[in-house]
């Protein structure tokens, strides 16, 4: 396993965080591992597609409505 020597702090809606953590628990996997795996996948996809990877959602939308 690679050494983890830096953190990433993000702010998310409490309900989203709770649902995500519960989904991870139900699969017996750490939430941090899912996030790291997504980051690996996303960066590899972005790199192979010339930096143009469409997201499945609008990152600029306001989810707090």
C-alpha atoms as a PDB file:
ATOM      1  CA  UNK A   1       0.000   0.000   0.000  1.00  0.00           C
ATOM      2  CA  UNK A   2       1.188   3.477  -0.804  1.00  0.00           C
ATOM      3  CA  UNK A   3       2.103   5.843   1.986  1.00  0.00           C
ATOM      4  CA  UNK A   4      -0.532   8.497   2.553  1.00  0.00           C
ATOM      5  CA  UNK A   5       1.136  11.740   3.524  1.00  0.00           C
ATOM      6  CA  UNK A   6      -1.325  14.465   2.629  1.00  0.00           C
ATOM      7  CA  UNK A   7      -4.959  15.126   3.437  1.00  0.00           C
ATOM      8  CA  UNK A   8      -7.837  16.609   1.506  1.00  0.00           C
ATOM      9  CA  UNK A   9     -10.581  18.380   3.386  1.00  0.00           C
ATOM     10  CA  UNK A  10     -13.896  18.978   1.669  1.00  0.00           C
ATOM     11  CA  UNK A  11     -17.207  20.357   2.839  1.00  0.00           C
ATOM     12  CA  UNK A  12     -20.361  18.442   1.944  1.00  0.00           C
ATOM     13  CA  UNK A  13     -23.959  18.425   3.005  1.00  0.00           C
ATOM     14  CA  UNK A  14     -24.408  16.379   6.196  1.00  0.00           C
ATOM     15  CA  UNK A  15     -27.138  14.194   4.658  1.00  0.00           C
ATOM     16  CA  UNK A  16     -24.925  13.378   1.681  1.00  0.00           C
ATOM     17  CA  UNK A  17     -21.986  12.524   3.944  1.00  0.00           C
ATOM     18  CA  UNK A  18     -24.150  10.333   6.174  1.00  0.00           C
ATOM     19  CA  UNK A  19     -25.662   8.494   3.197  1.00  0.00           C
ATOM     20  CA  UNK A  20     -22.211   7.961   1.678  1.00  0.00           C
ATOM     21  CA  UNK A  21     -20.715   6.644   4.918  1.00  0.00           C
ATOM     22  CA  UNK A  22     -23.676   4.305   5.415  1.00  0.00           C
ATOM     23  CA  UNK A  23     -23.383   3.016   1.834  1.00  0.00           C
ATOM     24  CA  UNK A  24     -19.695   2.322   2.430  1.00  0.00           C
ATOM     25  CA  UNK A  25     -20.420   0.548   5.712  1.00  0.00           C
ATOM     26  CA  UNK A  26     -23.038  -1.622   4.040  1.00  0.00           C
ATOM     27  CA  UNK A  27     -20.339  -2.756   1.588  1.00  0.00           C
ATOM     28  CA  UNK A  28     -17.757  -3.173   4.392  1.00  0.00           C
ATOM     29  CA  UNK A  29     -15.363  -0.708   2.787  1.00  0.00           C
ATOM     30  CA  UNK A  30     -13.816   2.474   4.168  1.00  0.00           C
ATOM     31  CA  UNK A  31     -15.230   5.711   2.786  1.00  0.00           C
ATOM     32  CA  UNK A  32     -11.689   7.021   2.351  1.00  0.00           C
ATOM     33  CA  UNK A  33     -10.775   4.046   0.154  1.00  0.00           C
ATOM     34  CA  UNK A  34     -13.781   4.670  -2.100  1.00  0.00           C
ATOM     35  CA  UNK A  35     -12.783   8.322  -2.454  1.00  0.00           C
ATOM     36  CA  UNK A  36      -9.152   7.414  -3.209  1.00  0.00           C
ATOM     37  CA  UNK A  37     -10.288   4.861  -5.804  1.00  0.00           C
ATOM     38  CA  UNK A  38     -12.558   7.445  -7.440  1.00  0.00           C
ATOM     39  CA  UNK A  39      -9.667   9.925  -7.546  1.00  0.00           C
ATOM     40  CA  UNK A  40      -7.427   7.309  -9.206  1.00  0.00           C
ATOM     41  CA  UNK A  41     -10.124   6.456 -11.746  1.00  0.00           C
ATOM     42  CA  UNK A  42     -10.996  10.080 -12.480  1.00  0.00           C
ATOM     43  CA  UNK A  43      -7.402  11.193 -12.986  1.00  0.00           C
ATOM     44  CA  UNK A  44      -6.614   8.199 -15.213  1.00  0.00           C
ATOM     45  CA  UNK A  45      -9.741   8.832 -17.315  1.00  0.00           C
ATOM     46  CA  UNK A  46      -9.012  12.521 -17.601  1.00  0.00           C
ATOM     47  CA  UNK A  47      -5.420  11.847 -18.634  1.00  0.00           C
ATOM     48  CA  UNK A  48      -6.430   9.332 -21.317  1.00  0.00           C
ATOM     49  CA  UNK A  49      -9.079  11.647 -22.757  1.00  0.00           C
ATOM     50  CA  UNK A  50      -6.933  14.739 -23.129  1.00  0.00           C
ATOM     51  CA  UNK A  51      -8.212  16.372 -19.959  1.00  0.00           C
ATOM     52  CA  UNK A  52     -11.810  16.451 -21.196  1.00  0.00           C
ATOM     53  CA  UNK A  53     -13.911  14.113 -19.092  1.00  0.00           C
ATOM     54  CA  UNK A  54     -17.600  14.943 -18.777  1.00  0.00           C
ATOM     55  CA  UNK A  55     -18.956  14.563 -15.292  1.00  0.00           C
ATOM     56  CA  UNK A  56     -22.210  12.683 -14.709  1.00  0.00           C
ATOM     57  CA  UNK A  57     -23.528  15.704 -12.812  1.00  0.00           C
ATOM     58  CA  UNK A  58     -23.298  19.458 -12.881  1.00  0.00           C
ATOM     59  CA  UNK A  59     -20.501  20.399 -10.474  1.00  0.00           C
ATOM     60  CA  UNK A  60     -21.669  24.007 -10.534  1.00  0.00           C
ATOM     61  CA  UNK A  61     -25.211  23.272  -9.363  1.00  0.00           C
ATOM     62  CA  UNK A  62     -26.344  24.276  -5.908  1.00  0.00           C
ATOM     63  CA  UNK A  63     -27.259  21.107  -3.994  1.00  0.00           C
ATOM     64  CA  UNK A  64     -28.405  23.046  -0.936  1.00  0.00           C
ATOM     65  CA  UNK A  65     -31.692  24.150  -2.474  1.00  0.00           C
END
